N, C-alpha and C. Protein backbone atom coordinates (compact mmCIF):
# COMPACT_ATOMS: atom_id res chain seq x y z
N MET A 1 131.10 120.07 21.11
CA MET A 1 132.42 120.65 21.14
C MET A 1 132.75 121.08 22.57
N ILE A 2 133.99 120.91 22.96
CA ILE A 2 134.51 121.39 24.23
C ILE A 2 135.67 122.33 23.90
N THR A 3 135.67 123.49 24.52
CA THR A 3 136.68 124.50 24.25
C THR A 3 137.64 124.61 25.42
N LEU A 4 138.92 124.66 25.11
CA LEU A 4 139.95 124.91 26.11
C LEU A 4 140.38 126.35 26.03
N THR A 5 140.64 126.96 27.17
CA THR A 5 141.25 128.28 27.15
C THR A 5 142.75 128.08 26.90
N PRO A 6 143.46 129.11 26.48
CA PRO A 6 144.91 128.96 26.31
C PRO A 6 145.62 128.50 27.58
N ARG A 7 145.19 128.98 28.76
CA ARG A 7 145.81 128.54 30.02
C ARG A 7 145.59 127.05 30.26
N ALA A 8 144.39 126.56 29.99
CA ALA A 8 144.10 125.14 30.17
C ALA A 8 144.91 124.30 29.20
N ALA A 9 144.97 124.73 27.95
CA ALA A 9 145.73 123.99 26.94
C ALA A 9 147.20 123.89 27.33
N ALA A 10 147.79 124.99 27.80
CA ALA A 10 149.20 124.98 28.20
C ALA A 10 149.44 124.01 29.36
N LYS A 11 148.54 124.01 30.34
CA LYS A 11 148.68 123.11 31.50
C LYS A 11 148.51 121.66 31.07
N ILE A 12 147.56 121.38 30.20
CA ILE A 12 147.35 120.01 29.73
C ILE A 12 148.58 119.52 28.98
N GLU A 13 149.15 120.36 28.12
CA GLU A 13 150.36 119.96 27.39
C GLU A 13 151.50 119.66 28.35
N GLU A 14 151.63 120.46 29.39
CA GLU A 14 152.66 120.23 30.41
C GLU A 14 152.45 118.88 31.11
N LEU A 15 151.23 118.62 31.53
CA LEU A 15 150.92 117.37 32.22
C LEU A 15 151.01 116.16 31.29
N GLN A 16 150.68 116.37 30.03
CA GLN A 16 150.71 115.29 29.04
C GLN A 16 152.13 114.76 28.85
N LYS A 17 153.10 115.64 28.89
CA LYS A 17 154.51 115.22 28.77
C LYS A 17 154.89 114.29 29.90
N GLU A 18 154.36 114.55 31.09
CA GLU A 18 154.64 113.71 32.25
C GLU A 18 153.89 112.38 32.18
N ALA A 19 152.72 112.38 31.53
CA ALA A 19 151.88 111.18 31.47
C ALA A 19 152.46 110.11 30.56
N GLY A 20 153.19 110.52 29.54
CA GLY A 20 153.81 109.55 28.65
C GLY A 20 153.24 109.56 27.25
N GLU A 21 153.99 108.98 26.37
CA GLU A 21 153.68 108.92 24.94
C GLU A 21 152.34 108.22 24.68
N GLY A 22 151.55 108.80 23.80
CA GLY A 22 150.30 108.17 23.36
C GLY A 22 149.11 108.37 24.28
N LYS A 23 149.29 109.08 25.38
CA LYS A 23 148.18 109.31 26.30
C LYS A 23 147.61 110.70 26.07
N LEU A 24 146.28 110.75 26.02
CA LEU A 24 145.56 112.01 25.85
C LEU A 24 144.70 112.25 27.08
N LEU A 25 144.31 113.49 27.26
CA LEU A 25 143.44 113.81 28.40
C LEU A 25 142.03 113.32 28.11
N ARG A 26 141.53 112.49 29.00
CA ARG A 26 140.14 112.02 28.93
C ARG A 26 139.32 112.90 29.87
N VAL A 27 138.24 113.46 29.36
CA VAL A 27 137.30 114.25 30.15
C VAL A 27 136.03 113.43 30.23
N PHE A 28 135.47 113.29 31.43
CA PHE A 28 134.28 112.45 31.57
C PHE A 28 133.36 112.96 32.67
N VAL A 29 132.14 112.45 32.64
CA VAL A 29 131.12 112.72 33.65
C VAL A 29 130.75 111.39 34.27
N GLU A 30 130.63 111.38 35.59
CA GLU A 30 130.20 110.16 36.28
C GLU A 30 129.24 110.53 37.40
N SER A 31 128.48 109.56 37.86
CA SER A 31 127.56 109.79 38.98
C SER A 31 128.37 110.06 40.23
N GLY A 32 127.87 111.00 41.04
CA GLY A 32 128.54 111.28 42.29
C GLY A 32 128.57 112.77 42.58
N GLY A 33 129.31 113.13 43.58
CA GLY A 33 129.40 114.52 43.99
C GLY A 33 128.14 114.93 44.73
N CYS A 34 128.14 116.15 45.21
CA CYS A 34 127.00 116.60 46.01
C CYS A 34 125.83 117.09 45.16
N SER A 35 126.00 117.18 43.84
CA SER A 35 124.91 117.65 42.98
C SER A 35 124.39 116.59 42.01
N GLY A 36 124.88 115.37 42.07
CA GLY A 36 124.37 114.30 41.23
C GLY A 36 125.37 113.75 40.23
N PHE A 37 126.11 114.62 39.56
CA PHE A 37 127.15 114.21 38.61
C PHE A 37 128.43 114.96 38.95
N GLN A 38 129.55 114.35 38.61
CA GLN A 38 130.82 115.03 38.80
C GLN A 38 131.71 114.87 37.59
N TYR A 39 132.59 115.83 37.40
CA TYR A 39 133.54 115.80 36.29
C TYR A 39 134.76 115.01 36.69
N GLY A 40 135.38 114.40 35.70
CA GLY A 40 136.64 113.70 35.93
C GLY A 40 137.58 113.94 34.77
N MET A 41 138.86 113.84 35.04
CA MET A 41 139.90 113.97 34.02
C MET A 41 141.01 113.00 34.35
N SER A 42 141.52 112.34 33.32
CA SER A 42 142.67 111.46 33.51
C SER A 42 143.35 111.29 32.16
N PHE A 43 144.61 110.91 32.19
CA PHE A 43 145.31 110.63 30.94
C PHE A 43 145.10 109.17 30.61
N ASP A 44 144.79 108.89 29.34
CA ASP A 44 144.39 107.55 28.93
C ASP A 44 144.69 107.37 27.45
N GLU A 45 144.61 106.15 27.01
CA GLU A 45 144.71 105.84 25.58
C GLU A 45 143.30 105.78 25.01
N ALA A 46 143.18 106.08 23.73
CA ALA A 46 141.86 106.09 23.08
C ALA A 46 141.24 104.70 23.06
N LYS A 47 139.93 104.68 23.26
CA LYS A 47 139.15 103.44 23.16
C LYS A 47 138.27 103.53 21.92
N ALA A 48 137.75 102.42 21.48
CA ALA A 48 137.00 102.36 20.22
C ALA A 48 135.79 103.29 20.18
N ASP A 49 135.11 103.50 21.30
CA ASP A 49 133.89 104.31 21.30
C ASP A 49 134.13 105.77 21.69
N ASP A 50 135.39 106.19 21.77
CA ASP A 50 135.71 107.57 22.13
C ASP A 50 135.54 108.53 20.97
N GLN A 51 135.21 109.75 21.31
CA GLN A 51 135.29 110.88 20.38
C GLN A 51 136.61 111.57 20.68
N THR A 52 137.31 112.01 19.66
CA THR A 52 138.51 112.81 19.85
C THR A 52 138.20 114.22 19.41
N LEU A 53 138.33 115.16 20.34
CA LEU A 53 138.07 116.57 20.07
C LEU A 53 139.38 117.32 20.12
N GLU A 54 139.46 118.45 19.43
CA GLU A 54 140.66 119.26 19.48
C GLU A 54 140.30 120.71 19.75
N SER A 55 141.06 121.33 20.64
CA SER A 55 140.90 122.74 20.95
C SER A 55 142.27 123.30 21.32
N GLU A 56 142.59 124.47 20.82
CA GLU A 56 143.88 125.11 21.12
C GLU A 56 145.06 124.19 20.83
N GLY A 57 144.90 123.31 19.83
CA GLY A 57 145.99 122.40 19.45
C GLY A 57 146.14 121.19 20.34
N VAL A 58 145.22 120.98 21.28
CA VAL A 58 145.28 119.86 22.21
C VAL A 58 144.13 118.90 21.91
N SER A 59 144.44 117.61 21.81
CA SER A 59 143.41 116.60 21.59
C SER A 59 142.88 116.08 22.91
N LEU A 60 141.57 115.90 22.99
CA LEU A 60 140.89 115.38 24.18
C LEU A 60 140.10 114.14 23.81
N LEU A 61 139.98 113.22 24.74
CA LEU A 61 139.13 112.05 24.57
C LEU A 61 137.87 112.24 25.40
N ILE A 62 136.73 111.82 24.85
CA ILE A 62 135.48 111.86 25.61
C ILE A 62 134.54 110.80 25.06
N ASP A 63 133.83 110.13 25.94
CA ASP A 63 132.85 109.13 25.50
C ASP A 63 131.55 109.84 25.13
N GLU A 64 130.71 109.14 24.38
CA GLU A 64 129.46 109.74 23.87
C GLU A 64 128.54 110.24 24.99
N ALA A 65 128.40 109.46 26.06
CA ALA A 65 127.51 109.87 27.15
C ALA A 65 128.00 111.14 27.83
N SER A 66 129.30 111.22 28.07
CA SER A 66 129.86 112.42 28.71
C SER A 66 129.74 113.62 27.80
N LEU A 67 129.93 113.42 26.50
CA LEU A 67 129.82 114.53 25.55
C LEU A 67 128.40 115.10 25.55
N ALA A 68 127.41 114.25 25.73
CA ALA A 68 126.02 114.73 25.78
C ALA A 68 125.82 115.70 26.95
N TYR A 69 126.48 115.45 28.08
CA TYR A 69 126.39 116.33 29.24
C TYR A 69 127.26 117.57 29.11
N MET A 70 128.38 117.45 28.37
CA MET A 70 129.38 118.52 28.38
C MET A 70 129.49 119.32 27.09
N SER A 71 128.68 119.02 26.10
CA SER A 71 128.77 119.74 24.83
C SER A 71 128.60 121.24 25.06
N GLY A 72 129.50 122.02 24.51
CA GLY A 72 129.45 123.47 24.67
C GLY A 72 130.22 123.99 25.87
N SER A 73 130.84 123.10 26.63
CA SER A 73 131.57 123.50 27.83
C SER A 73 132.92 124.14 27.49
N THR A 74 133.39 124.95 28.42
CA THR A 74 134.72 125.55 28.34
C THR A 74 135.52 125.11 29.55
N ILE A 75 136.76 124.69 29.31
CA ILE A 75 137.65 124.28 30.40
C ILE A 75 138.76 125.31 30.52
N ASP A 76 138.92 125.85 31.73
CA ASP A 76 139.96 126.84 32.02
C ASP A 76 140.87 126.25 33.09
N PHE A 77 142.02 126.89 33.29
CA PHE A 77 142.92 126.50 34.36
C PHE A 77 143.31 127.75 35.13
N ASP A 78 143.17 127.68 36.46
CA ASP A 78 143.50 128.81 37.31
C ASP A 78 144.50 128.35 38.36
N ASP A 79 145.69 128.91 38.31
CA ASP A 79 146.70 128.55 39.31
C ASP A 79 147.00 129.71 40.25
N GLY A 80 146.00 130.56 40.44
CA GLY A 80 146.14 131.74 41.29
C GLY A 80 146.21 131.41 42.77
N LEU A 81 146.00 132.39 43.59
CA LEU A 81 146.12 132.24 45.04
C LEU A 81 145.19 131.19 45.62
N GLN A 82 144.03 131.00 45.01
CA GLN A 82 143.07 130.01 45.51
C GLN A 82 143.46 128.59 45.14
N GLY A 83 144.40 128.42 44.18
CA GLY A 83 144.85 127.09 43.77
C GLY A 83 143.72 126.24 43.24
N LYS A 84 142.85 126.83 42.47
CA LYS A 84 141.62 126.18 42.03
C LYS A 84 141.85 125.02 41.07
N GLY A 85 142.80 125.13 40.14
CA GLY A 85 143.04 124.07 39.17
C GLY A 85 142.13 124.24 37.96
N PHE A 86 141.68 123.13 37.40
CA PHE A 86 140.80 123.18 36.23
C PHE A 86 139.39 123.58 36.63
N ASP A 87 138.78 124.42 35.82
CA ASP A 87 137.44 124.92 36.06
C ASP A 87 136.61 124.68 34.81
N ILE A 88 135.48 124.03 34.94
CA ILE A 88 134.61 123.71 33.80
C ILE A 88 133.36 124.57 33.87
N GLN A 89 133.15 125.33 32.81
CA GLN A 89 131.92 126.12 32.66
C GLN A 89 131.02 125.34 31.71
N ASN A 90 129.94 124.79 32.23
CA ASN A 90 129.06 123.92 31.47
C ASN A 90 127.69 124.57 31.29
N PRO A 91 127.34 124.95 30.05
CA PRO A 91 126.04 125.58 29.83
C PRO A 91 124.85 124.63 30.01
N ASN A 92 125.11 123.33 30.09
CA ASN A 92 124.05 122.33 30.26
C ASN A 92 123.71 122.07 31.73
N ALA A 93 124.54 122.54 32.64
CA ALA A 93 124.32 122.30 34.07
C ALA A 93 123.22 123.21 34.58
N GLU A 94 122.22 122.62 35.22
CA GLU A 94 121.14 123.40 35.81
C GLU A 94 121.60 124.04 37.12
N SER A 95 122.46 123.34 37.86
CA SER A 95 123.01 123.87 39.08
C SER A 95 124.36 123.22 39.34
N THR A 96 125.22 123.89 40.11
CA THR A 96 126.51 123.34 40.48
C THR A 96 126.69 123.49 41.98
N CYS A 97 127.59 122.70 42.52
CA CYS A 97 127.86 122.80 43.95
C CYS A 97 128.88 123.92 44.18
N GLY A 98 129.13 124.22 45.43
CA GLY A 98 130.06 125.30 45.78
C GLY A 98 131.47 125.07 45.31
N CYS A 99 131.91 123.80 45.24
CA CYS A 99 133.29 123.53 44.84
C CYS A 99 133.46 123.56 43.32
N GLY A 100 132.35 123.50 42.58
CA GLY A 100 132.43 123.54 41.13
C GLY A 100 132.80 122.23 40.48
N LYS A 101 132.91 121.15 41.26
CA LYS A 101 133.29 119.85 40.72
C LYS A 101 132.11 118.96 40.40
N SER A 102 130.91 119.34 40.85
CA SER A 102 129.74 118.52 40.55
C SER A 102 128.59 119.41 40.10
N PHE A 103 127.63 118.78 39.41
CA PHE A 103 126.52 119.53 38.83
C PHE A 103 125.31 118.64 38.69
N SER A 104 124.19 119.25 38.36
CA SER A 104 122.97 118.51 38.05
C SER A 104 122.35 119.10 36.81
């Protein structure tokens, strides 16, 4: 399961309207970043091997491999003075880099 905070859900709904009909937020993990893996997000259509998760009334797409790395994570959105954007708190990450976009 991946949990969205109310702020993240509101921002995703706003961006989803701009992305177009039938597109959901895809959350994924890929190799890269300064810690070995990095998070990614994009709007996409569902594929046959996707899991569809729901939190705060928002549906998310995630592939099985990414879900194994991100299960139990919380996604927040911060638009404060630092302009941080989406922030992922992942209990499976052993370490993260300073920017918070990659982990190991």
